[in-house]
Amino acid sequence: MKSNQVFGKFNGSVLLDDGTRIEVKEMPAFAEKVYNCW
């Protein structure tokens, strides 16, 4: 098993399907990449 995790805060914007843009500032979040082989 191999796992990489990153924790921090996201800044930027999200564009919705209807064209609405939502600003994101200092949103706590994480991202991970995991490879499992059973």
N, C-alpha and C. Protein backbone atom coordinates (compact mmCIF):
# COMPACT_ATOMS: atom_id res chain seq x y z
N MET A 1 0.84 -1.18 0.00
CA MET A 1 0.00 0.00 0.00
C MET A 1 0.88 1.24 0.00
N LYS A 2 0.54 2.19 -0.85
CA LYS A 2 1.27 3.45 -0.91
C LYS A 2 0.27 4.59 -0.76
N SER A 3 0.56 5.54 0.11
CA SER A 3 -0.39 6.62 0.38
C SER A 3 0.35 7.95 0.53
N ASN A 4 -0.18 8.98 -0.11
CA ASN A 4 0.33 10.34 0.02
C ASN A 4 -0.83 11.23 0.42
N GLN A 5 -0.64 12.02 1.47
CA GLN A 5 -1.69 12.92 1.94
C GLN A 5 -1.12 14.33 2.10
N VAL A 6 -1.95 15.32 1.74
CA VAL A 6 -1.58 16.72 1.88
C VAL A 6 -2.72 17.43 2.60
N PHE A 7 -2.40 18.19 3.63
CA PHE A 7 -3.40 18.95 4.39
C PHE A 7 -3.06 20.43 4.28
N GLY A 8 -4.09 21.26 4.18
CA GLY A 8 -3.85 22.69 4.09
C GLY A 8 -5.15 23.45 3.89
N LYS A 9 -5.04 24.62 3.23
CA LYS A 9 -6.21 25.46 2.98
C LYS A 9 -6.29 25.75 1.49
N PHE A 10 -7.53 25.70 0.95
CA PHE A 10 -7.76 25.97 -0.46
C PHE A 10 -8.17 27.43 -0.65
N ASN A 11 -7.65 28.04 -1.70
CA ASN A 11 -8.03 29.39 -2.12
C ASN A 11 -8.26 29.35 -3.62
N GLY A 12 -9.27 30.06 -4.09
CA GLY A 12 -9.55 30.11 -5.51
C GLY A 12 -11.03 30.28 -5.77
N SER A 13 -11.50 29.67 -6.87
CA SER A 13 -12.92 29.78 -7.20
C SER A 13 -13.41 28.49 -7.83
N VAL A 14 -14.73 28.30 -7.75
CA VAL A 14 -15.39 27.13 -8.33
C VAL A 14 -16.42 27.66 -9.33
N LEU A 15 -16.43 27.11 -10.55
CA LEU A 15 -17.39 27.50 -11.57
C LEU A 15 -18.45 26.42 -11.69
N LEU A 16 -19.70 26.77 -11.37
CA LEU A 16 -20.81 25.82 -11.42
C LEU A 16 -21.33 25.68 -12.85
N ASP A 17 -22.09 24.64 -13.10
CA ASP A 17 -22.65 24.38 -14.43
C ASP A 17 -23.49 25.53 -14.96
N ASP A 18 -24.16 26.25 -14.08
CA ASP A 18 -25.02 27.35 -14.52
C ASP A 18 -24.26 28.67 -14.71
N GLY A 19 -22.93 28.63 -14.58
CA GLY A 19 -22.11 29.81 -14.79
C GLY A 19 -21.82 30.60 -13.52
N THR A 20 -22.41 30.22 -12.42
CA THR A 20 -22.17 30.90 -11.14
C THR A 20 -20.75 30.59 -10.66
N ARG A 21 -20.05 31.63 -10.23
CA ARG A 21 -18.69 31.46 -9.70
C ARG A 21 -18.73 31.67 -8.19
N ILE A 22 -18.17 30.73 -7.43
CA ILE A 22 -18.13 30.81 -5.98
C ILE A 22 -16.67 30.97 -5.56
N GLU A 23 -16.39 32.01 -4.79
CA GLU A 23 -15.04 32.25 -4.29
C GLU A 23 -14.78 31.41 -3.04
N VAL A 24 -13.61 30.82 -2.98
CA VAL A 24 -13.20 29.99 -1.84
C VAL A 24 -11.97 30.64 -1.22
N LYS A 25 -12.03 30.91 0.09
CA LYS A 25 -10.90 31.54 0.78
C LYS A 25 -10.60 30.79 2.07
N GLU A 26 -9.39 30.29 2.19
CA GLU A 26 -8.92 29.64 3.42
C GLU A 26 -9.80 28.47 3.87
N MET A 27 -10.31 27.68 2.92
CA MET A 27 -11.15 26.53 3.26
C MET A 27 -10.27 25.35 3.68
N PRO A 28 -10.35 24.88 4.93
CA PRO A 28 -9.56 23.72 5.35
C PRO A 28 -9.92 22.51 4.50
N ALA A 29 -8.88 21.78 4.05
CA ALA A 29 -9.13 20.65 3.16
C ALA A 29 -7.93 19.70 3.14
N PHE A 30 -8.13 18.56 2.46
CA PHE A 30 -7.02 17.64 2.25
C PHE A 30 -7.18 16.97 0.89
N ALA A 31 -6.09 16.42 0.41
CA ALA A 31 -6.11 15.65 -0.83
C ALA A 31 -5.24 14.42 -0.59
N GLU A 32 -5.59 13.32 -1.24
CA GLU A 32 -4.78 12.12 -1.07
C GLU A 32 -4.73 11.32 -2.36
N LYS A 33 -3.65 10.57 -2.49
CA LYS A 33 -3.48 9.63 -3.59
C LYS A 33 -3.09 8.31 -2.94
N VAL A 34 -3.88 7.28 -3.19
CA VAL A 34 -3.66 5.99 -2.54
C VAL A 34 -3.64 4.88 -3.58
N TYR A 35 -2.69 3.97 -3.44
CA TYR A 35 -2.61 2.79 -4.29
C TYR A 35 -2.64 1.57 -3.38
N ASN A 36 -3.69 0.78 -3.50
CA ASN A 36 -3.83 -0.44 -2.70
C ASN A 36 -3.77 -1.66 -3.62
N CYS A 37 -3.05 -2.66 -3.22
CA CYS A 37 -2.98 -3.92 -3.96
C CYS A 37 -3.26 -5.04 -2.97
N TRP A 38 -4.32 -5.77 -3.19
CA TRP A 38 -4.74 -6.81 -2.25
C TRP A 38 -4.26 -8.16 -2.71
